[in-house]
Amino acid sequence: MENVTLTVLAWEQYRYAVYGCHWPHEISMKGMGIGQQLGWLTEQLAKEPVRAAG
């Protein structure tokens, strides 16, 4: 795979899966509280329409 970056959307206690990961990754909600995370996710959903699978 080329040009792939993992985007981690999990809470901090679940992010251990990417620690030491050799793939490029970003943790967009790092340092945010739960309310801020929900707000961030809501903003992201508003920016890009949901596409049906298939």
PDB file of N, CA and C in Angstrom:
ATOM      1  N   MET A   1       0.845  -1.185   0.000  1.00  0.00           N
ATOM      2  CA  MET A   1       0.000   0.000   0.000  1.00  0.00           C
ATOM      3  C   MET A   1       0.885   1.242   0.000  1.00  0.00           C
ATOM      4  N   GLU A   2       0.516   2.177  -0.822  1.00  0.00           N
ATOM      5  CA  GLU A   2       1.251   3.432  -0.878  1.00  0.00           C
ATOM      6  C   GLU A   2       0.355   4.573  -0.434  1.00  0.00           C
ATOM      7  N   ASN A   3       0.980   5.588   0.131  1.00  0.00           N
ATOM      8  CA  ASN A   3       0.270   6.811   0.516  1.00  0.00           C
ATOM      9  C   ASN A   3      -0.914   6.542   1.446  1.00  0.00           C
ATOM     10  N   VAL A   4      -0.737   5.660   2.401  1.00  0.00           N
ATOM     11  CA  VAL A   4      -1.787   5.346   3.363  1.00  0.00           C
ATOM     12  C   VAL A   4      -1.370   5.880   4.719  1.00  0.00           C
ATOM     13  N   THR A   5      -2.276   6.598   5.367  1.00  0.00           N
ATOM     14  CA  THR A   5      -2.062   7.074   6.726  1.00  0.00           C
ATOM     15  C   THR A   5      -3.241   6.611   7.570  1.00  0.00           C
ATOM     16  N   LEU A   6      -2.959   5.955   8.677  1.00  0.00           N
ATOM     17  CA  LEU A   6      -4.014   5.528   9.580  1.00  0.00           C
ATOM     18  C   LEU A   6      -4.520   6.726  10.372  1.00  0.00           C
ATOM     19  N   THR A   7      -5.812   6.853  10.507  1.00  0.00           N
ATOM     20  CA  THR A   7      -6.408   7.889  11.335  1.00  0.00           C
ATOM     21  C   THR A   7      -7.021   7.211  12.549  1.00  0.00           C
ATOM     22  N   VAL A   8      -6.532   7.560  13.716  1.00  0.00           N
ATOM     23  CA  VAL A   8      -6.972   6.927  14.953  1.00  0.00           C
ATOM     24  C   VAL A   8      -8.098   7.761  15.563  1.00  0.00           C
ATOM     25  N   LEU A   9      -9.255   7.135  15.761  1.00  0.00           N
ATOM     26  CA  LEU A   9     -10.413   7.820  16.325  1.00  0.00           C
ATOM     27  C   LEU A   9     -10.799   7.247  17.679  1.00  0.00           C
ATOM     28  N   ALA A  10      -9.935   6.481  18.272  1.00  0.00           N
ATOM     29  CA  ALA A  10     -10.228   5.830  19.546  1.00  0.00           C
ATOM     30  C   ALA A  10      -9.804   6.692  20.724  1.00  0.00           C
ATOM     31  N   TRP A  11     -10.419   6.422  21.872  1.00  0.00           N
ATOM     32  CA  TRP A  11     -10.008   7.084  23.108  1.00  0.00           C
ATOM     33  C   TRP A  11      -8.585   6.707  23.437  1.00  0.00           C
ATOM     34  N   GLU A  12      -7.981   7.487  24.291  1.00  0.00           N
ATOM     35  CA  GLU A  12      -6.576   7.310  24.622  1.00  0.00           C
ATOM     36  C   GLU A  12      -6.246   5.902  25.112  1.00  0.00           C
ATOM     37  N   GLN A  13      -7.107   5.310  25.925  1.00  0.00           N
ATOM     38  CA  GLN A  13      -6.799   3.981  26.459  1.00  0.00           C
ATOM     39  C   GLN A  13      -6.791   2.902  25.380  1.00  0.00           C
ATOM     40  N   TYR A  14      -7.345   3.189  24.201  1.00  0.00           N
ATOM     41  CA  TYR A  14      -7.351   2.228  23.108  1.00  0.00           C
ATOM     42  C   TYR A  14      -6.293   2.534  22.053  1.00  0.00           C
ATOM     43  N   ARG A  15      -5.590   3.626  22.194  1.00  0.00           N
ATOM     44  CA  ARG A  15      -4.606   4.034  21.191  1.00  0.00           C
ATOM     45  C   ARG A  15      -3.309   3.252  21.266  1.00  0.00           C
ATOM     46  N   TYR A  16      -3.147   2.440  22.303  1.00  0.00           N
ATOM     47  CA  TYR A  16      -1.914   1.665  22.449  1.00  0.00           C
ATOM     48  C   TYR A  16      -1.653   0.806  21.212  1.00  0.00           C
ATOM     49  N   ALA A  17      -2.674   0.507  20.443  1.00  0.00           N
ATOM     50  CA  ALA A  17      -2.523  -0.335  19.256  1.00  0.00           C
ATOM     51  C   ALA A  17      -1.615   0.305  18.207  1.00  0.00           C
ATOM     52  N   VAL A  18      -1.504   1.626  18.195  1.00  0.00           N
ATOM     53  CA  VAL A  18      -0.655   2.282  17.194  1.00  0.00           C
ATOM     54  C   VAL A  18       0.708   2.705  17.752  1.00  0.00           C
ATOM     55  N   TYR A  19       0.898   2.599  19.059  1.00  0.00           N
ATOM     56  CA  TYR A  19       2.195   2.958  19.618  1.00  0.00           C
ATOM     57  C   TYR A  19       3.246   1.999  19.087  1.00  0.00           C
ATOM     58  N   GLY A  20       4.289   2.530  18.528  1.00  0.00           N
ATOM     59  CA  GLY A  20       5.334   1.706  17.939  1.00  0.00           C
ATOM     60  C   GLY A  20       4.983   1.198  16.548  1.00  0.00           C
ATOM     61  N   CYS A  21       3.872   1.666  16.015  1.00  0.00           N
ATOM     62  CA  CYS A  21       3.421   1.255  14.684  1.00  0.00           C
ATOM     63  C   CYS A  21       4.373   1.812  13.625  1.00  0.00           C
ATOM     64  N   HIS A  22       4.677   1.012  12.637  1.00  0.00           N
ATOM     65  CA  HIS A  22       5.588   1.440  11.574  1.00  0.00           C
ATOM     66  C   HIS A  22       4.871   2.157  10.441  1.00  0.00           C
ATOM     67  N   TRP A  23       3.559   2.105  10.437  1.00  0.00           N
ATOM     68  CA  TRP A  23       2.792   2.803   9.410  1.00  0.00           C
ATOM     69  C   TRP A  23       2.583   4.250   9.836  1.00  0.00           C
ATOM     70  N   PRO A  24       2.521   5.164   8.892  1.00  0.00           N
ATOM     71  CA  PRO A  24       2.210   6.555   9.247  1.00  0.00           C
ATOM     72  C   PRO A  24       0.811   6.614   9.863  1.00  0.00           C
ATOM     73  N   HIS A  25       0.669   7.392  10.923  1.00  0.00           N
ATOM     74  CA  HIS A  25      -0.638   7.523  11.556  1.00  0.00           C
ATOM     75  C   HIS A  25      -0.785   8.911  12.171  1.00  0.00           C
ATOM     76  N   GLU A  26      -2.032   9.292  12.337  1.00  0.00           N
ATOM     77  CA  GLU A  26      -2.349  10.567  12.974  1.00  0.00           C
ATOM     78  C   GLU A  26      -3.413  10.320  14.032  1.00  0.00           C
ATOM     79  N   ILE A  27      -3.293  11.065  15.105  1.00  0.00           N
ATOM     80  CA  ILE A  27      -4.266  10.969  16.188  1.00  0.00           C
ATOM     81  C   ILE A  27      -4.917  12.350  16.281  1.00  0.00           C
ATOM     82  N   SER A  28      -5.974  12.516  15.519  1.00  0.00           N
ATOM     83  CA  SER A  28      -6.600  13.830  15.348  1.00  0.00           C
ATOM     84  C   SER A  28      -7.191  14.398  16.623  1.00  0.00           C
ATOM     85  N   MET A  29      -7.635  13.569  17.536  1.00  0.00           N
ATOM     86  CA  MET A  29      -8.323  14.053  18.737  1.00  0.00           C
ATOM     87  C   MET A  29      -7.448  13.991  19.982  1.00  0.00           C
ATOM     88  N   LYS A  30      -6.149  13.846  19.797  1.00  0.00           N
ATOM     89  CA  LYS A  30      -5.233  13.729  20.927  1.00  0.00           C
ATOM     90  C   LYS A  30      -5.336  14.950  21.835  1.00  0.00           C
ATOM     91  N   GLY A  31      -5.472  14.718  23.122  1.00  0.00           N
ATOM     92  CA  GLY A  31      -5.532  15.797  24.096  1.00  0.00           C
ATOM     93  C   GLY A  31      -6.915  16.398  24.302  1.00  0.00           C
ATOM     94  N   MET A  32      -7.901  15.918  23.571  1.00  0.00           N
ATOM     95  CA  MET A  32      -9.258  16.456  23.696  1.00  0.00           C
ATOM     96  C   MET A  32     -10.044  15.663  24.732  1.00  0.00           C
ATOM     97  N   GLY A  33     -10.933  16.341  25.438  1.00  0.00           N
ATOM     98  CA  GLY A  33     -11.871  15.681  26.326  1.00  0.00           C
ATOM     99  C   GLY A  33     -12.992  15.071  25.508  1.00  0.00           C
ATOM    100  N   ILE A  34     -13.863  14.312  26.144  1.00  0.00           N
ATOM    101  CA  ILE A  34     -14.928  13.614  25.424  1.00  0.00           C
ATOM    102  C   ILE A  34     -15.863  14.578  24.692  1.00  0.00           C
ATOM    103  N   GLY A  35     -16.209  15.687  25.316  1.00  0.00           N
ATOM    104  CA  GLY A  35     -17.076  16.665  24.653  1.00  0.00           C
ATOM    105  C   GLY A  35     -16.415  17.260  23.423  1.00  0.00           C
ATOM    106  N   GLN A  36     -15.135  17.560  23.531  1.00  0.00           N
ATOM    107  CA  GLN A  36     -14.393  18.099  22.393  1.00  0.00           C
ATOM    108  C   GLN A  36     -14.280  17.054  21.280  1.00  0.00           C
ATOM    109  N   GLN A  37     -14.067  15.797  21.663  1.00  0.00           N
ATOM    110  CA  GLN A  37     -13.979  14.732  20.664  1.00  0.00           C
ATOM    111  C   GLN A  37     -15.294  14.594  19.905  1.00  0.00           C
ATOM    112  N   LEU A  38     -16.403  14.611  20.630  1.00  0.00           N
ATOM    113  CA  LEU A  38     -17.711  14.509  19.977  1.00  0.00           C
ATOM    114  C   LEU A  38     -17.950  15.694  19.043  1.00  0.00           C
ATOM    115  N   GLY A  39     -17.551  16.887  19.487  1.00  0.00           N
ATOM    116  CA  GLY A  39     -17.677  18.072  18.647  1.00  0.00           C
ATOM    117  C   GLY A  39     -16.830  17.961  17.390  1.00  0.00           C
ATOM    118  N   TRP A  40     -15.600  17.482  17.545  1.00  0.00           N
ATOM    119  CA  TRP A  40     -14.693  17.319  16.407  1.00  0.00           C
ATOM    120  C   TRP A  40     -15.270  16.325  15.411  1.00  0.00           C
ATOM    121  N   LEU A  41     -15.772  15.188  15.908  1.00  0.00           N
ATOM    122  CA  LEU A  41     -16.358  14.183  15.022  1.00  0.00           C
ATOM    123  C   LEU A  41     -17.582  14.728  14.294  1.00  0.00           C
ATOM    124  N   THR A  42     -18.408  15.494  15.002  1.00  0.00           N
ATOM    125  CA  THR A  42     -19.591  16.099  14.385  1.00  0.00           C
ATOM    126  C   THR A  42     -19.179  17.047  13.264  1.00  0.00           C
ATOM    127  N   GLU A  43     -18.155  17.854  13.496  1.00  0.00           N
ATOM    128  CA  GLU A  43     -17.643  18.766  12.459  1.00  0.00           C
ATOM    129  C   GLU A  43     -17.154  17.992  11.237  1.00  0.00           C
ATOM    130  N   GLN A  44     -16.423  16.917  11.475  1.00  0.00           N
ATOM    131  CA  GLN A  44     -15.889  16.117  10.363  1.00  0.00           C
ATOM    132  C   GLN A  44     -17.009  15.504   9.545  1.00  0.00           C
ATOM    133  N   LEU A  45     -18.041  15.001  10.200  1.00  0.00           N
ATOM    134  CA  LEU A  45     -19.174  14.430   9.485  1.00  0.00           C
ATOM    135  C   LEU A  45     -19.907  15.477   8.659  1.00  0.00           C
ATOM    136  N   ALA A  46     -19.976  16.701   9.163  1.00  0.00           N
ATOM    137  CA  ALA A  46     -20.658  17.773   8.445  1.00  0.00           C
ATOM    138  C   ALA A  46     -19.867  18.196   7.189  1.00  0.00           C
ATOM    139  N   LYS A  47     -18.560  18.026   7.211  1.00  0.00           N
ATOM    140  CA  LYS A  47     -17.710  18.431   6.093  1.00  0.00           C
ATOM    141  C   LYS A  47     -17.815  17.492   4.898  1.00  0.00           C
ATOM    142  N   GLU A  48     -17.948  16.200   5.164  1.00  0.00           N
ATOM    143  CA  GLU A  48     -17.944  15.219   4.079  1.00  0.00           C
ATOM    144  C   GLU A  48     -19.168  14.333   4.171  1.00  0.00           C
ATOM    145  N   PRO A  49     -19.948  14.281   3.101  1.00  0.00           N
ATOM    146  CA  PRO A  49     -21.150  13.444   3.129  1.00  0.00           C
ATOM    147  C   PRO A  49     -20.790  11.963   3.265  1.00  0.00           C
ATOM    148  N   VAL A  50     -21.649  11.236   3.934  1.00  0.00           N
ATOM    149  CA  VAL A  50     -21.466   9.798   4.100  1.00  0.00           C
ATOM    150  C   VAL A  50     -21.807   9.113   2.795  1.00  0.00           C
ATOM    151  N   ARG A  51     -20.927   8.223   2.362  1.00  0.00           N
ATOM    152  CA  ARG A  51     -21.153   7.495   1.107  1.00  0.00           C
ATOM    153  C   ARG A  51     -21.593   6.070   1.416  1.00  0.00           C
ATOM    154  N   ALA A  52     -22.518   5.586   0.632  1.00  0.00           N
ATOM    155  CA  ALA A  52     -22.981   4.209   0.785  1.00  0.00           C
ATOM    156  C   ALA A  52     -21.894   3.240   0.309  1.00  0.00           C
ATOM    157  N   ALA A  53     -21.745   2.135   1.002  1.00  0.00           N
ATOM    158  CA  ALA A  53     -20.768   1.125   0.600  1.00  0.00           C
ATOM    159  C   ALA A  53     -21.224   0.436  -0.667  1.00  0.00           C
ATOM    160  N   GLY A  54     -20.235   0.033  -1.463  1.00  0.00           N
ATOM    161  CA  GLY A  54     -20.558  -0.763  -2.633  1.00  0.00           C
ATOM    162  C   GLY A  54     -20.388  -0.047  -3.859  1.00  0.00           C
TER     163      GLY A  54
END
